[in-house]
């Protein structure tokens, strides 16, 4: 099946679907120029992410961890949503039953106009207190002081899921529910390797949903999908929208 024929087929499925779920990963943000921060291109002062994005690292040296996040926030702040982000926001407007689930923390879905994406791994623009219940949006770049503090006096931390931490229970529960009831599940720009997100499209398959993958490369999920398209999400997703 050619991409052109597949796109026509997917557009038909979108029109037929009562409930649609979309899972996005690093690939859609990479098209906006955001590095993964986990590969060699994401090294900062020779620290790999695995040495900084942990509760232990933050407890040991919160200033160091915040300096890394301050650098990351500065990188992300220079980037903008791409046509893929905007297409998904428009898809939500055309199909009110769409649930957008993302592994990304960069906030580009919000900037594109998506109403309430389920953020499995948190949000780099959110901070929360390490002692009280305070949580807020903070888009200050550069961030001062480092580390930032709550009005209660405790240190604030990035509202990110670190290595060794559980995903937000409510967000994960809603993501599972969306996968269970979806008629159509789109998997966009993700390696299909990181758990538990990688299990969501497989759950949709078990529930007999149609699953469509859009990715630059073949993934472990590709052979299980109803349609697996190779290409940039910023080019393919806008083609799925109605006229």
Protein backbone atom coordinates (compact mmCIF):
# COMPACT_ATOMS: atom_id res chain seq x y z
CA UNK A 1 0.00 0.00 0.00
CA UNK A 2 1.44 3.38 -0.99
CA UNK A 3 1.45 6.27 1.47
CA UNK A 4 -1.13 8.08 -0.66
CA UNK A 5 -3.56 5.15 -0.57
CA UNK A 6 -2.89 4.63 3.14
CA UNK A 7 -3.65 8.27 3.92
CA UNK A 8 -7.02 8.02 2.15
CA UNK A 9 -7.75 4.88 4.18
CA UNK A 10 -6.80 6.52 7.48
CA UNK A 11 -8.93 9.57 6.73
CA UNK A 12 -11.88 7.26 6.28
CA UNK A 13 -11.14 5.53 9.58
CA UNK A 14 -10.96 8.90 11.32
CA UNK A 15 -14.37 9.84 10.01
CA UNK A 16 -15.82 6.50 11.13
CA UNK A 17 -14.19 6.38 14.56
CA UNK A 18 -16.23 7.21 17.64
CA UNK A 19 -13.15 7.47 19.86
CA UNK A 20 -9.59 8.22 18.78
CA UNK A 21 -6.41 8.01 20.86
CA UNK A 22 -3.04 9.44 19.82
CA UNK A 23 0.33 8.67 21.40
CA UNK A 24 3.24 10.97 20.56
CA UNK A 25 6.92 10.54 21.32
CA UNK A 26 10.25 12.26 20.81
CA UNK A 27 10.03 12.04 17.02
CA UNK A 28 7.38 14.74 16.67
CA UNK A 29 9.43 17.13 18.83
CA UNK A 30 12.63 16.28 16.98
CA UNK A 31 10.99 17.76 13.89
CA UNK A 32 10.87 21.05 15.81
CA UNK A 33 14.60 20.77 16.53
CA UNK A 34 14.37 19.54 20.12
CA UNK A 35 17.09 17.02 21.02
CA UNK A 36 16.23 13.89 22.98
CA UNK A 37 18.53 14.91 25.88
CA UNK A 38 19.29 11.22 26.34
CA UNK A 39 21.64 10.64 23.41
CA UNK A 40 25.11 12.05 22.80
CA UNK A 41 23.56 15.25 21.46
CA UNK A 42 21.90 15.78 24.81
CA UNK A 43 25.04 15.66 26.94
CA UNK A 44 25.54 18.63 29.26
CA UNK A 45 28.90 19.12 30.99
CA UNK A 46 29.56 15.46 30.14
CA UNK A 47 26.64 14.32 32.31
CA UNK A 48 24.27 11.80 30.72
CA UNK A 49 20.60 12.30 31.57
CA UNK A 50 20.55 9.11 33.64
CA UNK A 51 22.92 10.73 36.16
CA UNK A 52 20.84 13.87 36.61
CA UNK A 53 17.19 12.94 36.17
CA UNK A 54 16.86 10.97 39.40
CA UNK A 55 15.53 11.72 42.88
CA UNK A 56 18.92 10.75 44.27
CA UNK A 57 20.77 13.28 42.11
CA UNK A 58 18.34 16.02 43.12
CA UNK A 59 18.65 15.18 46.81
CA UNK A 60 22.44 15.22 46.48
CA UNK A 61 22.78 18.46 44.48
CA UNK A 62 19.53 20.26 43.58
CA UNK A 63 21.43 23.23 42.14
CA UNK A 64 23.29 21.02 39.66
CA UNK A 65 20.09 19.31 38.51
CA UNK A 66 18.32 22.65 38.18
CA UNK A 67 21.20 24.09 36.15
CA UNK A 68 20.71 21.20 33.71
CA UNK A 69 16.97 21.80 33.52
CA UNK A 70 17.54 25.52 33.13
CA UNK A 71 19.72 24.73 30.08
CA UNK A 72 17.07 22.34 28.74
CA UNK A 73 14.33 24.93 29.22
CA UNK A 74 16.39 27.50 27.33
CA UNK A 75 16.82 25.07 24.42
CA UNK A 76 13.10 24.24 24.33
CA UNK A 77 12.04 27.89 24.67
CA UNK A 78 13.62 28.66 21.29
CA UNK A 79 11.55 26.00 19.51
CA UNK A 80 8.03 26.17 18.11
CA UNK A 81 5.33 23.62 17.33
CA UNK A 82 5.58 22.13 13.85
CA UNK A 83 2.77 21.21 11.42
CA UNK A 84 2.39 17.85 13.15
CA UNK A 85 1.56 19.48 16.47
CA UNK A 86 -0.88 21.86 14.82
CA UNK A 87 -2.52 19.03 12.87
CA UNK A 88 -3.19 17.09 16.07
CA UNK A 89 -4.70 20.18 17.71
CA UNK A 90 -6.95 20.60 14.68
CA UNK A 91 -7.83 16.90 14.81
CA UNK A 92 -9.04 17.44 18.38
CA UNK A 93 -11.28 20.26 17.17
CA UNK A 94 -12.67 18.19 14.30
CA UNK A 95 -13.12 15.06 16.43
CA UNK A 96 -14.03 15.99 20.04
CA UNK A 97 -13.51 12.36 21.10
CA UNK A 98 -9.72 12.51 20.47
CA UNK A 99 -7.50 11.82 23.49
CA UNK A 100 -3.91 13.01 23.04
CA UNK A 101 -1.29 11.17 25.10
CA UNK A 102 2.34 12.31 25.00
CA UNK A 103 5.67 11.09 26.28
CA UNK A 104 7.14 14.55 25.64
CA UNK A 105 7.69 17.16 28.35
CA UNK A 106 8.35 20.17 26.11
CA UNK A 107 4.85 21.69 26.10
CA UNK A 108 4.70 22.06 22.31
CA UNK A 109 1.29 20.38 22.14
CA UNK A 110 -0.04 23.08 24.47
CA UNK A 111 1.47 25.85 22.36
CA UNK A 112 -0.11 24.31 19.25
CA UNK A 113 -3.55 24.52 20.85
CA UNK A 114 -4.18 21.02 22.18
CA UNK A 115 -6.63 21.40 25.04
CA UNK A 116 -5.52 18.87 27.64
CA UNK A 117 -2.84 16.41 26.55
CA UNK A 118 -2.15 13.57 28.95
CA UNK A 119 1.51 14.10 29.84
CA UNK A 120 2.89 10.73 30.89
CA UNK A 121 6.33 12.05 31.83
CA UNK A 122 5.40 15.47 33.17
CA UNK A 123 6.00 19.01 31.94
CA UNK A 124 9.30 20.88 31.90
CA UNK A 125 7.39 24.15 32.41
CA UNK A 126 5.75 22.95 35.63
CA UNK A 127 7.35 23.09 39.06
CA UNK A 128 6.21 21.55 42.30
CA UNK A 129 7.25 21.82 45.90
CA UNK A 130 9.23 19.07 47.57
CA UNK A 131 7.36 19.65 50.85
CA UNK A 132 3.88 21.11 50.32
CA UNK A 133 1.20 20.73 47.62
CA UNK A 134 2.27 23.79 45.61
CA UNK A 135 2.40 23.21 41.85
CA UNK A 136 2.54 25.91 39.16
CA UNK A 137 3.56 26.81 35.62
CA UNK A 138 6.90 28.60 35.40
CA UNK A 139 8.22 29.70 32.00
CA UNK A 140 11.04 31.89 33.31
CA UNK A 141 14.20 31.57 31.21
CA UNK A 142 16.82 31.81 32.63
CA UNK A 143 15.51 30.67 35.95
CA UNK A 144 16.48 32.64 39.05
CA UNK A 145 17.37 31.81 41.69
CA UNK A 146 18.75 28.31 41.25
CA UNK A 147 17.47 26.25 42.91
CA UNK A 148 14.06 27.97 43.04
CA UNK A 149 12.15 27.89 46.29
CA UNK A 150 8.52 27.68 47.31
CA UNK A 151 6.86 30.31 49.49
CA UNK A 152 6.99 27.69 52.27
CA UNK A 153 10.78 27.78 52.04
CA UNK A 154 11.31 24.34 50.54
CA UNK A 155 13.09 23.70 47.24
CA UNK A 156 10.96 23.42 44.11
CA UNK A 157 11.65 20.61 41.64
CA UNK A 158 10.78 20.13 37.98
CA UNK A 159 7.39 18.44 37.65
CA UNK A 160 8.99 15.67 35.61
CA UNK A 161 8.90 11.91 36.08
CA UNK A 162 12.47 10.92 36.86
CA UNK A 163 14.15 7.56 36.46
CA UNK A 164 12.91 5.30 39.23
CA UNK A 165 9.67 7.23 39.78
CA UNK A 166 6.15 6.10 38.97
CA UNK A 167 4.10 7.86 36.32
CA UNK A 168 1.28 10.12 37.56
CA UNK A 169 -1.47 7.73 38.59
CA UNK A 170 -4.38 9.75 37.24
CA UNK A 171 -2.70 10.48 33.91
CA UNK A 172 -1.76 6.84 33.40
CA UNK A 173 -5.23 5.67 34.34
CA UNK A 174 -6.80 8.02 31.79
CA UNK A 175 -4.32 6.91 29.12
CA UNK A 176 -5.15 3.24 29.74
CA UNK A 177 -8.86 4.04 29.55
CA UNK A 178 -8.41 5.88 26.24
CA UNK A 179 -6.51 2.93 24.77
CA UNK A 180 -9.15 0.48 25.91
CA UNK A 181 -12.08 2.27 24.28
CA UNK A 182 -10.41 3.65 21.13
CA UNK A 183 -11.67 2.63 17.71
CA UNK A 184 -8.55 4.15 16.16
CA UNK A 185 -5.13 4.55 17.81
CA UNK A 186 -2.42 6.69 16.17
CA UNK A 187 1.21 6.16 17.25
CA UNK A 188 3.34 9.13 16.22
CA UNK A 189 7.11 9.50 16.46
CA UNK A 190 7.77 6.99 19.21
CA UNK A 191 10.21 4.09 19.36
CA UNK A 192 7.54 1.85 20.93
CA UNK A 193 10.18 0.73 23.44
CA UNK A 194 9.65 2.88 26.55
CA UNK A 195 7.22 1.36 29.02
CA UNK A 196 4.48 1.71 30.02
CA UNK A 197 3.67 3.95 27.03
CA UNK A 198 4.70 1.20 24.60
CA UNK A 199 1.94 -1.02 25.96
CA UNK A 200 -0.85 1.43 25.12
CA UNK A 201 -1.08 0.68 21.37
CA UNK A 202 -0.78 -3.04 22.10
CA UNK A 203 -3.72 -2.76 24.48
CA UNK A 204 -5.68 -1.00 21.73
CA UNK A 205 -4.82 -3.87 19.37
CA UNK A 206 -6.06 -6.39 21.92
CA UNK A 207 -9.34 -4.46 22.05
CA UNK A 208 -9.56 -4.68 18.24
CA UNK A 209 -8.88 -1.01 17.53
CA UNK A 210 -7.26 -0.05 14.26
CA UNK A 211 -3.69 1.03 14.99
CA UNK A 212 -1.75 3.36 12.70
CA UNK A 213 1.95 4.13 13.12
CA UNK A 214 3.68 7.22 11.72
CA UNK A 215 7.43 7.14 12.20
CA UNK A 216 10.64 7.74 10.32
CA UNK A 217 11.91 4.25 11.10
CA UNK A 218 10.60 0.73 11.60
CA UNK A 219 9.82 -0.09 15.25
CA UNK A 220 8.91 -3.27 17.15
CA UNK A 221 5.28 -2.21 16.80
CA UNK A 222 5.33 -1.75 13.01
CA UNK A 223 4.48 -5.30 11.99
CA UNK A 224 1.47 -5.38 14.31
CA UNK A 225 -0.14 -2.18 13.00
CA UNK A 226 -2.97 -2.03 10.49
CA UNK A 227 -0.97 0.65 8.69
CA UNK A 228 2.63 1.70 9.36
CA UNK A 229 3.80 4.79 7.47
CA UNK A 230 7.42 5.84 7.09
CA UNK A 231 7.79 9.61 7.03
CA UNK A 232 7.80 12.85 9.01
CA UNK A 233 4.73 13.40 11.16
CA UNK A 234 4.77 17.07 10.21
CA UNK A 235 4.18 16.04 6.61
CA UNK A 236 1.77 13.14 7.12
CA UNK A 237 -0.52 14.32 9.93
CA UNK A 238 -1.84 17.42 8.10
CA UNK A 239 -2.87 15.13 5.21
CA UNK A 240 -5.19 13.20 7.53
CA UNK A 241 -7.41 16.19 8.25
CA UNK A 242 -10.69 16.83 6.52
CA UNK A 243 -11.00 19.55 3.92
